[in-house]
């Protein structure tokens, strides 16, 4: 259907074509990017309980993964390095496998209620340094590995997407009854004998209760 509907003559293939339509950033936008974690970036990270981590493999296939914990869960080591703890998950380790193949990563730090976000790009590697990881222990459980990021770019991103989506406005949220069922979606996608929305829901609930750390 997509192939039939898309007009390939209207596809944009060069940056020059894009610039002709969109234009160029202002001097302020160009100059706002810095190459280190100054006191503003450190303060933002210290208040952030949630970060989106973007990675890609050696073929350029991309992945975005959420990371969240108490505010300041990402440990800033110095003005060029930070560490993201790898908490227990589903063991797909998509982000970790990508980092091994391609160290370039992008991060988007969010603070609930704040429309502006902090974007950080850099090069990542995986550490099993127990001394370093013990600093991020929760309930006496330290992460087995962590993601160290060598910062290359830092800059603030404006709030337009959050204003358009009304993401932080509870009155704009769907009622609970209108929300998609994650358990039903997983069960339908997996298509395994004996796996139903109910069994998946039970498994998710158990993981959320007993295996956060």
Protein backbone atom coordinates (compact mmCIF):
# COMPACT_ATOMS: atom_id res chain seq x y z
CA UNK A 1 0.00 0.00 0.00
CA UNK A 2 2.79 2.43 0.96
CA UNK A 3 4.67 1.76 -2.27
CA UNK A 4 1.52 2.52 -4.26
CA UNK A 5 0.68 5.73 -2.41
CA UNK A 6 4.09 7.37 -2.17
CA UNK A 7 5.14 9.68 -4.99
CA UNK A 8 8.84 8.98 -5.39
CA UNK A 9 9.34 12.11 -7.45
CA UNK A 10 8.60 14.06 -4.26
CA UNK A 11 11.21 12.34 -2.11
CA UNK A 12 13.98 14.60 -0.81
CA UNK A 13 17.42 13.09 -1.33
CA UNK A 14 19.94 15.83 -0.53
CA UNK A 15 20.61 18.27 2.29
CA UNK A 16 20.44 21.11 -0.23
CA UNK A 17 16.84 20.21 -1.04
CA UNK A 18 16.02 20.11 2.68
CA UNK A 19 17.64 23.48 3.36
CA UNK A 20 15.70 25.04 0.51
CA UNK A 21 12.48 24.03 2.28
CA UNK A 22 13.39 24.36 5.95
CA UNK A 23 16.11 27.00 6.04
CA UNK A 24 19.04 27.31 8.44
CA UNK A 25 19.31 27.47 12.24
CA UNK A 26 19.86 30.76 14.01
CA UNK A 27 23.22 31.71 15.48
CA UNK A 28 21.86 30.97 18.97
CA UNK A 29 20.88 27.42 17.95
CA UNK A 30 24.28 26.90 16.37
CA UNK A 31 26.18 28.17 19.40
CA UNK A 32 24.19 26.51 22.19
CA UNK A 33 25.97 23.17 21.81
CA UNK A 34 28.89 22.52 24.15
CA UNK A 35 31.32 19.61 24.42
CA UNK A 36 31.34 18.99 28.15
CA UNK A 37 29.06 18.56 31.15
CA UNK A 38 29.05 21.98 32.77
CA UNK A 39 27.21 22.78 36.01
CA UNK A 40 23.92 23.27 34.14
CA UNK A 41 24.11 19.84 32.50
CA UNK A 42 25.12 18.21 35.79
CA UNK A 43 22.20 19.82 37.58
CA UNK A 44 19.77 18.70 34.86
CA UNK A 45 21.02 15.10 35.01
CA UNK A 46 20.83 15.14 38.81
CA UNK A 47 17.13 16.04 38.58
CA UNK A 48 16.28 13.63 35.76
CA UNK A 49 14.71 10.23 36.52
CA UNK A 50 14.45 9.18 32.87
CA UNK A 51 16.67 9.04 29.79
CA UNK A 52 16.15 7.65 26.30
CA UNK A 53 19.24 5.93 24.91
CA UNK A 54 19.69 5.68 21.15
CA UNK A 55 22.12 3.17 19.65
CA UNK A 56 22.73 1.46 16.33
CA UNK A 57 24.57 -1.63 15.18
CA UNK A 58 27.38 -1.85 12.64
CA UNK A 59 24.84 -1.86 9.78
CA UNK A 60 23.16 1.30 11.04
CA UNK A 61 19.99 -0.43 12.28
CA UNK A 62 18.74 1.72 15.14
CA UNK A 63 17.24 1.16 18.56
CA UNK A 64 15.93 3.48 21.28
CA UNK A 65 15.67 2.18 24.83
CA UNK A 66 14.30 3.83 27.99
CA UNK A 67 16.33 3.98 31.18
CA UNK A 68 14.78 5.18 34.42
CA UNK A 69 15.27 5.27 38.18
CA UNK A 70 15.35 7.83 40.97
CA UNK A 71 16.41 11.37 39.98
CA UNK A 72 20.17 11.45 39.45
CA UNK A 73 20.46 7.71 38.82
CA UNK A 74 22.90 8.49 35.99
CA UNK A 75 26.27 9.05 37.65
CA UNK A 76 28.35 11.96 36.34
CA UNK A 77 32.02 11.10 36.78
CA UNK A 78 33.57 14.32 35.47
CA UNK A 79 32.94 16.94 32.82
CA UNK A 80 33.31 14.43 29.99
CA UNK A 81 32.03 11.11 31.35
CA UNK A 82 28.82 9.67 32.79
CA UNK A 83 27.62 6.18 33.68
CA UNK A 84 24.16 4.67 33.13
CA UNK A 85 23.45 1.63 35.35
CA UNK A 86 22.13 -1.40 33.48
CA UNK A 87 19.24 -2.60 35.64
CA UNK A 88 17.65 -6.06 35.20
CA UNK A 89 15.58 -6.35 32.01
CA UNK A 90 14.46 -8.89 29.47
CA UNK A 91 18.06 -9.91 28.58
CA UNK A 92 17.73 -8.93 24.93
CA UNK A 93 20.57 -6.44 25.63
CA UNK A 94 19.91 -4.68 22.33
CA UNK A 95 21.62 -1.47 23.45
CA UNK A 96 24.65 -3.28 24.87
CA UNK A 97 25.13 -5.39 21.75
CA UNK A 98 24.85 -2.29 19.60
CA UNK A 99 27.43 -0.43 21.67
CA UNK A 100 29.90 -3.28 21.24
CA UNK A 101 29.42 -3.05 17.47
CA UNK A 102 29.12 0.75 17.22
CA UNK A 103 30.05 3.05 20.14
CA UNK A 104 28.12 6.12 18.96
CA UNK A 105 25.11 6.90 21.16
CA UNK A 106 22.56 9.64 21.68
CA UNK A 107 20.67 10.43 24.88
CA UNK A 108 17.62 12.50 25.73
CA UNK A 109 17.21 13.38 29.43
CA UNK A 110 13.71 14.25 30.65
CA UNK A 111 12.41 15.86 33.83
CA UNK A 112 8.66 15.35 34.45
CA UNK A 113 6.75 18.60 33.99
CA UNK A 114 9.57 20.31 32.10
CA UNK A 115 9.17 20.70 28.34
CA UNK A 116 12.82 21.35 27.56
CA UNK A 117 15.10 18.32 27.41
CA UNK A 118 18.85 17.78 27.52
CA UNK A 119 20.41 16.05 24.53
CA UNK A 120 23.81 14.42 24.87
CA UNK A 121 25.75 12.59 22.17
CA UNK A 122 28.98 10.69 22.56
CA UNK A 123 30.86 7.41 22.48
CA UNK A 124 29.94 4.59 24.83
CA UNK A 125 31.52 1.47 26.23
CA UNK A 126 30.43 -1.17 28.72
CA UNK A 127 32.10 -1.58 32.11
CA UNK A 128 31.99 -4.31 34.77
CA UNK A 129 34.08 -2.28 37.25
CA UNK A 130 32.62 -3.34 40.61
CA UNK A 131 34.01 -0.31 42.44
CA UNK A 132 32.33 2.04 39.99
CA UNK A 133 29.06 0.12 39.82
CA UNK A 134 28.74 -0.26 43.59
CA UNK A 135 28.05 3.47 43.76
CA UNK A 136 24.78 2.86 41.90
CA UNK A 137 23.50 0.02 44.06
CA UNK A 138 19.82 0.01 45.04
CA UNK A 139 18.55 -2.22 47.85
CA UNK A 140 22.11 -3.56 48.17
CA UNK A 141 22.02 -4.71 44.54
CA UNK A 142 24.63 -3.18 42.27
CA UNK A 143 24.23 -3.40 38.50
CA UNK A 144 26.28 -6.13 36.83
CA UNK A 145 27.42 -3.76 34.09
CA UNK A 146 27.09 -0.09 33.28
CA UNK A 147 27.25 2.07 30.17
CA UNK A 148 30.02 4.66 30.29
CA UNK A 149 29.53 7.55 27.86
CA UNK A 150 32.31 9.87 26.78
CA UNK A 151 30.47 13.10 26.07
CA UNK A 152 31.01 14.87 22.75
CA UNK A 153 27.95 17.13 22.43
CA UNK A 154 25.48 18.62 24.93
CA UNK A 155 22.62 20.98 24.22
CA UNK A 156 19.13 21.92 25.33
CA UNK A 157 16.17 20.98 23.14
CA UNK A 158 13.11 23.22 23.07
CA UNK A 159 9.68 22.26 24.44
CA UNK A 160 7.64 22.41 21.22
CA UNK A 161 7.07 18.64 20.99
CA UNK A 162 5.85 18.53 24.59
CA UNK A 163 3.56 21.51 24.07
CA UNK A 164 2.06 19.99 20.94
CA UNK A 165 1.56 16.58 22.52
CA UNK A 166 0.46 17.95 25.93
CA UNK A 167 2.52 15.12 27.38
CA UNK A 168 2.75 16.57 30.88
CA UNK A 169 -0.92 17.59 31.11
CA UNK A 170 -2.91 14.89 32.96
CA UNK A 171 -6.18 16.31 31.64
CA UNK A 172 -5.03 15.37 28.13
CA UNK A 173 -4.21 11.77 29.04
CA UNK A 174 -6.41 8.84 28.04
CA UNK A 175 -8.59 7.23 30.66
CA UNK A 176 -7.17 3.99 32.02
CA UNK A 177 -9.85 2.01 30.19
CA UNK A 178 -8.71 3.52 26.87
CA UNK A 179 -5.06 2.53 27.22
CA UNK A 180 -3.66 -0.29 25.05
CA UNK A 181 -3.08 -3.60 26.82
CA UNK A 182 0.64 -4.37 26.75
CA UNK A 183 -0.04 -7.93 27.84
CA UNK A 184 -2.50 -8.53 25.00
CA UNK A 185 -0.12 -7.05 22.45
CA UNK A 186 2.80 -9.19 23.64
CA UNK A 187 0.68 -12.35 23.66
CA UNK A 188 -0.59 -11.70 20.13
CA UNK A 189 2.88 -10.91 18.81
CA UNK A 190 4.54 -13.92 20.47
CA UNK A 191 1.89 -16.44 19.28
CA UNK A 192 3.03 -19.18 21.68
CA UNK A 193 0.95 -22.10 22.92
CA UNK A 194 -0.34 -21.45 26.40
CA UNK A 195 0.66 -17.78 26.35
CA UNK A 196 -2.35 -15.53 26.82
CA UNK A 197 -2.87 -11.92 27.77
CA UNK A 198 -3.60 -13.10 31.31
CA UNK A 199 -0.39 -15.14 31.66
CA UNK A 200 1.67 -12.29 30.22
CA UNK A 201 -0.01 -9.82 32.58
CA UNK A 202 0.86 -12.04 35.55
CA UNK A 203 4.46 -12.33 34.37
CA UNK A 204 4.77 -8.57 33.91
CA UNK A 205 3.27 -7.87 37.32
CA UNK A 206 5.68 -10.29 38.98
CA UNK A 207 8.65 -8.71 37.23
CA UNK A 208 7.57 -5.20 38.18
CA UNK A 209 7.13 -6.24 41.80
CA UNK A 210 10.12 -8.54 42.34
CA UNK A 211 12.77 -7.86 39.69
CA UNK A 212 13.28 -4.13 39.36
CA UNK A 213 16.81 -4.41 40.83
